[in-house]
Amino acid sequence: QLFYIYYALGPLLRLKGPPAAILAMSICYGAYMAEI
């Protein structure tokens, strides 16, 4: 997910390192939080 958001979607969303990392981890852990 980190690679996909940074390299695949990064040029489209114009995301740099920290914002891309935060977005990827928020989406990933949001799914686990949803189950909690």
PDB file of all heavy atoms in Angstrom:
ATOM      1  N   GLN A   1       0.830  -1.210   0.000  1.00  0.00           N
ATOM      2  CA  GLN A   1       0.000   0.000   0.000  1.00  0.00           C
ATOM      3  C   GLN A   1       0.861   1.255   0.000  1.00  0.00           C
ATOM      4  O   GLN A   1       0.537   2.249  -0.670  1.00  0.00           O
ATOM      5  CB  GLN A   1      -0.930  -0.009   1.206  1.00  0.00           C
ATOM      6  CG  GLN A   1      -1.950  -1.142   1.185  1.00  0.00           C
ATOM      7  CD  GLN A   1      -2.889  -1.094   2.368  1.00  0.00           C
ATOM      8  OE1 GLN A   1      -3.396  -0.049   2.742  1.00  0.00           O
ATOM      9  NE2 GLN A   1      -3.132  -2.249   2.977  1.00  0.00           N
ATOM     10  N   LEU A   2       1.960   1.227   0.738  1.00  0.00           N
ATOM     11  CA  LEU A   2       2.867   2.371   0.743  1.00  0.00           C
ATOM     12  C   LEU A   2       3.443   2.618  -0.647  1.00  0.00           C
ATOM     13  O   LEU A   2       3.459   3.757  -1.137  1.00  0.00           O
ATOM     14  CB  LEU A   2       4.002   2.129   1.740  1.00  0.00           C
ATOM     15  CG  LEU A   2       3.653   2.257   3.222  1.00  0.00           C
ATOM     16  CD1 LEU A   2       4.767   1.681   4.083  1.00  0.00           C
ATOM     17  CD2 LEU A   2       3.399   3.710   3.598  1.00  0.00           C
ATOM     18  N   PHE A   3       3.904   1.550  -1.300  1.00  0.00           N
ATOM     19  CA  PHE A   3       4.444   1.685  -2.658  1.00  0.00           C
ATOM     20  C   PHE A   3       3.366   2.168  -3.627  1.00  0.00           C
ATOM     21  O   PHE A   3       3.628   3.016  -4.495  1.00  0.00           O
ATOM     22  CB  PHE A   3       5.005   0.348  -3.145  1.00  0.00           C
ATOM     23  CG  PHE A   3       6.414   0.092  -2.688  1.00  0.00           C
ATOM     24  CD1 PHE A   3       6.736  -1.074  -2.003  1.00  0.00           C
ATOM     25  CD2 PHE A   3       7.413   1.004  -2.944  1.00  0.00           C
ATOM     26  CE1 PHE A   3       8.033  -1.309  -1.588  1.00  0.00           C
ATOM     27  CE2 PHE A   3       8.714   0.774  -2.530  1.00  0.00           C
ATOM     28  CZ  PHE A   3       9.027  -0.391  -1.847  1.00  0.00           C
ATOM     29  N   TYR A   4       2.159   1.620  -3.491  1.00  0.00           N
ATOM     30  CA  TYR A   4       1.096   1.951  -4.441  1.00  0.00           C
ATOM     31  C   TYR A   4       0.706   3.429  -4.329  1.00  0.00           C
ATOM     32  O   TYR A   4       0.563   4.129  -5.343  1.00  0.00           O
ATOM     33  CB  TYR A   4      -0.124   1.069  -4.178  1.00  0.00           C
ATOM     34  CG  TYR A   4      -1.202   1.201  -5.232  1.00  0.00           C
ATOM     35  CD1 TYR A   4      -1.106   0.518  -6.437  1.00  0.00           C
ATOM     36  CD2 TYR A   4      -2.308   2.031  -5.032  1.00  0.00           C
ATOM     37  CE1 TYR A   4      -2.072   0.642  -7.409  1.00  0.00           C
ATOM     38  CE2 TYR A   4      -3.277   2.167  -6.006  1.00  0.00           C
ATOM     39  CZ  TYR A   4      -3.159   1.474  -7.191  1.00  0.00           C
ATOM     40  OH  TYR A   4      -4.116   1.609  -8.155  1.00  0.00           O
ATOM     41  N   ILE A   5       0.520   3.903  -3.090  1.00  0.00           N
ATOM     42  CA  ILE A   5       0.099   5.297  -2.911  1.00  0.00           C
ATOM     43  C   ILE A   5       1.223   6.260  -3.280  1.00  0.00           C
ATOM     44  O   ILE A   5       0.978   7.323  -3.871  1.00  0.00           O
ATOM     45  CB  ILE A   5      -0.367   5.516  -1.461  1.00  0.00           C
ATOM     46  CG1 ILE A   5      -1.707   4.788  -1.239  1.00  0.00           C
ATOM     47  CG2 ILE A   5      -0.511   7.003  -1.142  1.00  0.00           C
ATOM     48  CD1 ILE A   5      -2.253   4.897   0.164  1.00  0.00           C
ATOM     49  N   TYR A   6       2.468   5.887  -2.978  1.00  0.00           N
ATOM     50  CA  TYR A   6       3.575   6.813  -3.239  1.00  0.00           C
ATOM     51  C   TYR A   6       3.990   6.818  -4.711  1.00  0.00           C
ATOM     52  O   TYR A   6       4.163   7.891  -5.308  1.00  0.00           O
ATOM     53  CB  TYR A   6       4.769   6.432  -2.371  1.00  0.00           C
ATOM     54  CG  TYR A   6       5.938   7.380  -2.488  1.00  0.00           C
ATOM     55  CD1 TYR A   6       5.870   8.670  -1.968  1.00  0.00           C
ATOM     56  CD2 TYR A   6       7.122   6.994  -3.122  1.00  0.00           C
ATOM     57  CE1 TYR A   6       6.943   9.542  -2.068  1.00  0.00           C
ATOM     58  CE2 TYR A   6       8.202   7.855  -3.228  1.00  0.00           C
ATOM     59  CZ  TYR A   6       8.099   9.130  -2.704  1.00  0.00           C
ATOM     60  OH  TYR A   6       9.162   9.989  -2.808  1.00  0.00           O
ATOM     61  N   TYR A   7       4.115   5.638  -5.303  1.00  0.00           N
ATOM     62  CA  TYR A   7       4.621   5.559  -6.666  1.00  0.00           C
ATOM     63  C   TYR A   7       3.515   5.546  -7.719  1.00  0.00           C
ATOM     64  O   TYR A   7       3.652   6.176  -8.770  1.00  0.00           O
ATOM     65  CB  TYR A   7       5.501   4.308  -6.832  1.00  0.00           C
ATOM     66  CG  TYR A   7       6.801   4.393  -6.087  1.00  0.00           C
ATOM     67  CD1 TYR A   7       7.005   3.653  -4.920  1.00  0.00           C
ATOM     68  CD2 TYR A   7       7.830   5.217  -6.526  1.00  0.00           C
ATOM     69  CE1 TYR A   7       8.205   3.729  -4.226  1.00  0.00           C
ATOM     70  CE2 TYR A   7       9.028   5.297  -5.830  1.00  0.00           C
ATOM     71  CZ  TYR A   7       9.205   4.554  -4.689  1.00  0.00           C
ATOM     72  OH  TYR A   7      10.390   4.649  -3.994  1.00  0.00           O
ATOM     73  N   ALA A   8       2.423   4.816  -7.448  1.00  0.00           N
ATOM     74  CA  ALA A   8       1.359   4.711  -8.450  1.00  0.00           C
ATOM     75  C   ALA A   8       0.422   5.915  -8.412  1.00  0.00           C
ATOM     76  O   ALA A   8       0.083   6.488  -9.456  1.00  0.00           O
ATOM     77  CB  ALA A   8       0.562   3.416  -8.234  1.00  0.00           C
ATOM     78  N   LEU A   9      -0.010   6.297  -7.204  1.00  0.00           N
ATOM     79  CA  LEU A   9      -0.950   7.411  -7.077  1.00  0.00           C
ATOM     80  C   LEU A   9      -0.265   8.734  -6.752  1.00  0.00           C
ATOM     81  O   LEU A   9      -0.885   9.787  -6.868  1.00  0.00           O
ATOM     82  CB  LEU A   9      -1.982   7.104  -5.977  1.00  0.00           C
ATOM     83  CG  LEU A   9      -2.872   5.884  -6.213  1.00  0.00           C
ATOM     84  CD1 LEU A   9      -3.858   5.742  -5.063  1.00  0.00           C
ATOM     85  CD2 LEU A   9      -3.611   5.987  -7.537  1.00  0.00           C
ATOM     86  N   GLY A  10       0.993   8.672  -6.343  1.00  0.00           N
ATOM     87  CA  GLY A  10       1.709   9.892  -5.974  1.00  0.00           C
ATOM     88  C   GLY A  10       1.718  10.964  -7.044  1.00  0.00           C
ATOM     89  O   GLY A  10       1.403  12.133  -6.775  1.00  0.00           O
ATOM     90  N   PRO A  11       2.069  10.609  -8.297  1.00  0.00           N
ATOM     91  CA  PRO A  11       2.065  11.642  -9.350  1.00  0.00           C
ATOM     92  C   PRO A  11       0.678  12.228  -9.606  1.00  0.00           C
ATOM     93  O   PRO A  11       0.557  13.405  -9.948  1.00  0.00           O
ATOM     94  CB  PRO A  11       2.565  10.877 -10.581  1.00  0.00           C
ATOM     95  CG  PRO A  11       3.357   9.742 -10.027  1.00  0.00           C
ATOM     96  CD  PRO A  11       2.644   9.340  -8.765  1.00  0.00           C
ATOM     97  N   LEU A  12      -0.373  11.421  -9.435  1.00  0.00           N
ATOM     98  CA  LEU A  12      -1.732  11.917  -9.652  1.00  0.00           C
ATOM     99  C   LEU A  12      -2.195  12.790  -8.494  1.00  0.00           C
ATOM    100  O   LEU A  12      -2.810  13.842  -8.701  1.00  0.00           O
ATOM    101  CB  LEU A  12      -2.689  10.735  -9.835  1.00  0.00           C
ATOM    102  CG  LEU A  12      -2.413   9.805 -11.024  1.00  0.00           C
ATOM    103  CD1 LEU A  12      -3.379   8.643 -11.016  1.00  0.00           C
ATOM    104  CD2 LEU A  12      -2.521  10.586 -12.342  1.00  0.00           C
ATOM    105  N   LEU A  13      -1.899  12.346  -7.268  1.00  0.00           N
ATOM    106  CA  LEU A  13      -2.333  13.088  -6.081  1.00  0.00           C
ATOM    107  C   LEU A  13      -1.321  14.133  -5.639  1.00  0.00           C
ATOM    108  O   LEU A  13      -1.612  14.930  -4.745  1.00  0.00           O
ATOM    109  CB  LEU A  13      -2.584  12.110  -4.922  1.00  0.00           C
ATOM    110  CG  LEU A  13      -3.613  11.007  -5.181  1.00  0.00           C
ATOM    111  CD1 LEU A  13      -3.702  10.082  -3.980  1.00  0.00           C
ATOM    112  CD2 LEU A  13      -4.984  11.619  -5.479  1.00  0.00           C
ATOM    113  N   ARG A  14      -0.154  14.106  -6.265  1.00  0.00           N
ATOM    114  CA  ARG A  14       0.933  15.034  -5.931  1.00  0.00           C
ATOM    115  C   ARG A  14       1.288  14.933  -4.450  1.00  0.00           C
ATOM    116  O   ARG A  14       1.389  15.941  -3.736  1.00  0.00           O
ATOM    117  CB  ARG A  14       0.548  16.469  -6.297  1.00  0.00           C
ATOM    118  CG  ARG A  14       0.346  16.670  -7.804  1.00  0.00           C
ATOM    119  CD  ARG A  14       0.042  18.108  -8.143  1.00  0.00           C
ATOM    120  NE  ARG A  14      -0.131  18.281  -9.571  1.00  0.00           N
ATOM    121  CZ  ARG A  14      -0.419  19.446 -10.164  1.00  0.00           C
ATOM    122  NH1 ARG A  14      -0.557  20.549  -9.411  1.00  0.00           N
ATOM    123  NH2 ARG A  14      -0.552  19.521 -11.472  1.00  0.00           N
ATOM    124  N   LEU A  15       1.510  13.713  -4.006  1.00  0.00           N
ATOM    125  CA  LEU A  15       1.859  13.459  -2.612  1.00  0.00           C
ATOM    126  C   LEU A  15       3.352  13.210  -2.488  1.00  0.00           C
ATOM    127  O   LEU A  15       3.937  12.470  -3.271  1.00  0.00           O
ATOM    128  CB  LEU A  15       1.101  12.236  -2.083  1.00  0.00           C
ATOM    129  CG  LEU A  15      -0.406  12.381  -1.924  1.00  0.00           C
ATOM    130  CD1 LEU A  15      -1.016  11.071  -1.474  1.00  0.00           C
ATOM    131  CD2 LEU A  15      -0.738  13.483  -0.925  1.00  0.00           C
ATOM    132  N   LYS A  16       3.956  13.833  -1.497  1.00  0.00           N
ATOM    133  CA  LYS A  16       5.362  13.587  -1.197  1.00  0.00           C
ATOM    134  C   LYS A  16       5.464  12.513  -0.116  1.00  0.00           C
ATOM    135  O   LYS A  16       4.467  11.890   0.255  1.00  0.00           O
ATOM    136  CB  LYS A  16       6.032  14.880  -0.760  1.00  0.00           C
ATOM    137  CG  LYS A  16       6.062  15.938  -1.859  1.00  0.00           C
ATOM    138  CD  LYS A  16       6.802  17.179  -1.414  1.00  0.00           C
ATOM    139  CE  LYS A  16       6.843  18.226  -2.544  1.00  0.00           C
ATOM    140  NZ  LYS A  16       7.555  19.452  -2.126  1.00  0.00           N
ATOM    141  N   GLY A  17       6.661  12.320   0.412  1.00  0.00           N
ATOM    142  CA  GLY A  17       6.907  11.229   1.344  1.00  0.00           C
ATOM    143  C   GLY A  17       6.007  11.177   2.559  1.00  0.00           C
ATOM    144  O   GLY A  17       5.210  10.236   2.714  1.00  0.00           O
ATOM    145  N   PRO A  18       6.071  12.161   3.473  1.00  0.00           N
ATOM    146  CA  PRO A  18       5.272  12.093   4.703  1.00  0.00           C
ATOM    147  C   PRO A  18       3.766  12.021   4.469  1.00  0.00           C
ATOM    148  O   PRO A  18       3.092  11.170   5.071  1.00  0.00           O
ATOM    149  CB  PRO A  18       5.686  13.362   5.458  1.00  0.00           C
ATOM    150  CG  PRO A  18       7.058  13.662   4.958  1.00  0.00           C
ATOM    151  CD  PRO A  18       7.050  13.261   3.517  1.00  0.00           C
ATOM    152  N   PRO A  19       3.180  12.877   3.606  1.00  0.00           N
ATOM    153  CA  PRO A  19       1.735  12.753   3.375  1.00  0.00           C
ATOM    154  C   PRO A  19       1.330  11.408   2.796  1.00  0.00           C
ATOM    155  O   PRO A  19       0.299  10.840   3.181  1.00  0.00           O
ATOM    156  CB  PRO A  19       1.431  13.890   2.389  1.00  0.00           C
ATOM    157  CG  PRO A  19       2.529  14.878   2.591  1.00  0.00           C
ATOM    158  CD  PRO A  19       3.728  14.064   2.896  1.00  0.00           C
ATOM    159  N   ALA A  20       2.134  10.871   1.884  1.00  0.00           N
ATOM    160  CA  ALA A  20       1.822   9.562   1.305  1.00  0.00           C
ATOM    161  C   ALA A  20       1.891   8.470   2.360  1.00  0.00           C
ATOM    162  O   ALA A  20       1.051   7.558   2.397  1.00  0.00           O
ATOM    163  CB  ALA A  20       2.793   9.252   0.158  1.00  0.00           C
ATOM    164  N   ALA A  21       2.895   8.555   3.237  1.00  0.00           N
ATOM    165  CA  ALA A  21       3.030   7.561   4.301  1.00  0.00           C
ATOM    166  C   ALA A  21       1.855   7.625   5.261  1.00  0.00           C
ATOM    167  O   ALA A  21       1.295   6.591   5.662  1.00  0.00           O
ATOM    168  CB  ALA A  21       4.348   7.788   5.051  1.00  0.00           C
ATOM    169  N   ILE A  22       1.461   8.833   5.637  1.00  0.00           N
ATOM    170  CA  ILE A  22       0.335   9.003   6.562  1.00  0.00           C
ATOM    171  C   ILE A  22      -0.956   8.500   5.931  1.00  0.00           C
ATOM    172  O   ILE A  22      -1.759   7.813   6.581  1.00  0.00           O
ATOM    173  CB  ILE A  22       0.209  10.483   6.975  1.00  0.00           C
ATOM    174  CG1 ILE A  22       1.399  10.886   7.856  1.00  0.00           C
ATOM    175  CG2 ILE A  22      -1.111  10.733   7.696  1.00  0.00           C
ATOM    176  CD1 ILE A  22       1.476  12.371   8.135  1.00  0.00           C
ATOM    177  N   LEU A  23      -1.160   8.799   4.654  1.00  0.00           N
ATOM    178  CA  LEU A  23      -2.370   8.344   3.969  1.00  0.00           C
ATOM    179  C   LEU A  23      -2.426   6.822   3.913  1.00  0.00           C
ATOM    180  O   LEU A  23      -3.465   6.215   4.223  1.00  0.00           O
ATOM    181  CB  LEU A  23      -2.415   8.925   2.559  1.00  0.00           C
ATOM    182  CG  LEU A  23      -3.614   8.499   1.695  1.00  0.00           C
ATOM    183  CD1 LEU A  23      -4.921   8.937   2.342  1.00  0.00           C
ATOM    184  CD2 LEU A  23      -3.490   9.078   0.280  1.00  0.00           C
ATOM    185  N   ALA A  24      -1.320   6.193   3.555  1.00  0.00           N
ATOM    186  CA  ALA A  24      -1.293   4.737   3.430  1.00  0.00           C
ATOM    187  C   ALA A  24      -1.530   4.065   4.779  1.00  0.00           C
ATOM    188  O   ALA A  24      -2.325   3.121   4.887  1.00  0.00           O
ATOM    189  CB  ALA A  24       0.037   4.284   2.843  1.00  0.00           C
ATOM    190  N   MET A  25      -0.858   4.537   5.819  1.00  0.00           N
ATOM    191  CA  MET A  25      -1.014   3.905   7.130  1.00  0.00           C
ATOM    192  C   MET A  25      -2.388   4.174   7.725  1.00  0.00           C
ATOM    193  O   MET A  25      -2.948   3.329   8.428  1.00  0.00           O
ATOM    194  CB  MET A  25       0.091   4.365   8.072  1.00  0.00           C
ATOM    195  CG  MET A  25       1.468   3.851   7.680  1.00  0.00           C
ATOM    196  SD  MET A  25       2.695   3.949   9.007  1.00  0.00           S
ATOM    197  CE  MET A  25       2.762   5.732   9.220  1.00  0.00           C
ATOM    198  N   SER A  26      -2.950   5.346   7.437  1.00  0.00           N
ATOM    199  CA  SER A  26      -4.297   5.654   7.935  1.00  0.00           C
ATOM    200  C   SER A  26      -5.329   4.741   7.291  1.00  0.00           C
ATOM    201  O   SER A  26      -6.219   4.207   7.965  1.00  0.00           O
ATOM    202  CB  SER A  26      -4.644   7.118   7.653  1.00  0.00           C
ATOM    203  OG  SER A  26      -3.750   7.994   8.298  1.00  0.00           O
ATOM    204  N   ILE A  27      -5.211   4.549   5.978  1.00  0.00           N
ATOM    205  CA  ILE A  27      -6.149   3.673   5.272  1.00  0.00           C
ATOM    206  C   ILE A  27      -5.982   2.225   5.728  1.00  0.00           C
ATOM    207  O   ILE A  27      -6.963   1.518   5.973  1.00  0.00           O
ATOM    208  CB  ILE A  27      -5.943   3.791   3.753  1.00  0.00           C
ATOM    209  CG1 ILE A  27      -6.357   5.183   3.274  1.00  0.00           C
ATOM    210  CG2 ILE A  27      -6.726   2.721   3.008  1.00  0.00           C
ATOM    211  CD1 ILE A  27      -6.060   5.444   1.804  1.00  0.00           C
ATOM    212  N   CYS A  28      -4.733   1.781   5.861  1.00  0.00           N
ATOM    213  CA  CYS A  28      -4.475   0.398   6.258  1.00  0.00           C
ATOM    214  C   CYS A  28      -4.999   0.122   7.661  1.00  0.00           C
ATOM    215  O   CYS A  28      -5.767  -0.823   7.876  1.00  0.00           O
ATOM    216  CB  CYS A  28      -2.976   0.105   6.175  1.00  0.00           C
ATOM    217  SG  CYS A  28      -2.534  -1.577   6.667  1.00  0.00           S
ATOM    218  N   TYR A  29      -4.607   0.936   8.612  1.00  0.00           N
ATOM    219  CA  TYR A  29      -5.021   0.688   9.994  1.00  0.00           C
ATOM    220  C   TYR A  29      -6.469   1.085  10.243  1.00  0.00           C
ATOM    221  O   TYR A  29      -7.078   0.634  11.209  1.00  0.00           O
ATOM    222  CB  TYR A  29      -4.084   1.401  10.964  1.00  0.00           C
ATOM    223  CG  TYR A  29      -2.881   0.553  11.289  1.00  0.00           C
ATOM    224  CD1 TYR A  29      -1.783   0.528  10.435  1.00  0.00           C
ATOM    225  CD2 TYR A  29      -2.850  -0.254  12.413  1.00  0.00           C
ATOM    226  CE1 TYR A  29      -0.687  -0.272  10.706  1.00  0.00           C
ATOM    227  CE2 TYR A  29      -1.766  -1.055  12.702  1.00  0.00           C
ATOM    228  CZ  TYR A  29      -0.684  -1.061  11.852  1.00  0.00           C
ATOM    229  OH  TYR A  29       0.390  -1.869  12.115  1.00  0.00           O
ATOM    230  N   GLY A  30      -7.036   1.921   9.377  1.00  0.00           N
ATOM    231  CA  GLY A  30      -8.451   2.216   9.487  1.00  0.00           C
ATOM    232  C   GLY A  30      -9.309   0.975   9.320  1.00  0.00           C
ATOM    233  O   GLY A  30     -10.357   0.827   9.962  1.00  0.00           O
ATOM    234  N   ALA A  31      -8.847   0.049   8.453  1.00  0.00           N
ATOM    235  CA  ALA A  31      -9.589  -1.198   8.257  1.00  0.00           C
ATOM    236  C   ALA A  31      -9.578  -2.051   9.517  1.00  0.00           C
ATOM    237  O   ALA A  31     -10.584  -2.662   9.889  1.00  0.00           O
ATOM    238  CB  ALA A  31      -8.994  -1.973   7.084  1.00  0.00           C
ATOM    239  N   TYR A  32      -8.430  -2.114  10.195  1.00  0.00           N
ATOM    240  CA  TYR A  32      -8.352  -2.869  11.442  1.00  0.00           C
ATOM    241  C   TYR A  32      -9.145  -2.180  12.548  1.00  0.00           C
ATOM    242  O   TYR A  32      -9.788  -2.842  13.376  1.00  0.00           O
ATOM    243  CB  TYR A  32      -6.895  -3.050  11.859  1.00  0.00           C
ATOM    244  CG  TYR A  32      -6.121  -3.959  10.950  1.00  0.00           C
ATOM    245  CD1 TYR A  32      -5.280  -3.453   9.968  1.00  0.00           C
ATOM    246  CD2 TYR A  32      -6.233  -5.345  11.057  1.00  0.00           C
ATOM    247  CE1 TYR A  32      -4.569  -4.290   9.119  1.00  0.00           C
ATOM    248  CE2 TYR A  32      -5.535  -6.195  10.219  1.00  0.00           C
ATOM    249  CZ  TYR A  32      -4.707  -5.653   9.250  1.00  0.00           C
ATOM    250  OH  TYR A  32      -4.015  -6.495   8.407  1.00  0.00           O
ATOM    251  N   MET A  33      -9.096  -0.852  12.572  1.00  0.00           N
ATOM    252  CA  MET A  33      -9.885  -0.118  13.557  1.00  0.00           C
ATOM    253  C   MET A  33     -11.378  -0.334  13.328  1.00  0.00           C
ATOM    254  O   MET A  33     -12.163  -0.382  14.284  1.00  0.00           O
ATOM    255  CB  MET A  33      -9.563   1.378  13.475  1.00  0.00           C
ATOM    256  CG  MET A  33      -8.163   1.745  13.912  1.00  0.00           C
ATOM    257  SD  MET A  33      -7.884   1.437  15.651  1.00  0.00           S
ATOM    258  CE  MET A  33      -6.193   2.023  15.814  1.00  0.00           C
ATOM    259  N   ALA A  34     -11.778  -0.465  12.071  1.00  0.00           N
ATOM    260  CA  ALA A  34     -13.194  -0.687  11.765  1.00  0.00           C
ATOM    261  C   ALA A  34     -13.690  -1.973  12.412  1.00  0.00           C
ATOM    262  O   ALA A  34     -14.796  -2.032  12.969  1.00  0.00           O
ATOM    263  CB  ALA A  34     -13.399  -0.743  10.248  1.00  0.00           C
ATOM    264  N   GLU A  35     -12.875  -3.014  12.355  1.00  0.00           N
ATOM    265  CA  GLU A  35     -13.264  -4.275  12.974  1.00  0.00           C
ATOM    266  C   GLU A  35     -13.296  -4.170  14.490  1.00  0.00           C
ATOM    267  O   GLU A  35     -14.127  -4.796  15.152  1.00  0.00           O
ATOM    268  CB  GLU A  35     -12.304  -5.384  12.544  1.00  0.00           C
ATOM    269  CG  GLU A  35     -12.496  -5.818  11.103  1.00  0.00           C
ATOM    270  CD  GLU A  35     -13.884  -6.388  10.878  1.00  0.00           C
ATOM    271  OE1 GLU A  35     -14.107  -7.572  11.155  1.00  0.00           O
ATOM    272  OE2 GLU A  35     -14.765  -5.614  10.434  1.00  0.00           O
ATOM    273  N   ILE A  36     -12.410  -3.360  15.052  1.00  0.00           N
ATOM    274  CA  ILE A  36     -12.430  -3.157  16.503  1.00  0.00           C
ATOM    275  C   ILE A  36     -13.699  -2.415  16.918  1.00  0.00           C
ATOM    276  O   ILE A  36     -14.371  -2.801  17.885  1.00  0.00           O
ATOM    277  CB  ILE A  36     -11.171  -2.371  16.942  1.00  0.00           C
ATOM    278  CG1 ILE A  36      -9.927  -3.228  16.749  1.00  0.00           C
ATOM    279  CG2 ILE A  36     -11.294  -1.935  18.395  1.00  0.00           C
ATOM    280  CD1 ILE A  36      -8.631  -2.506  17.050  1.00  0.00           C
TER     281      ILE A  36
END
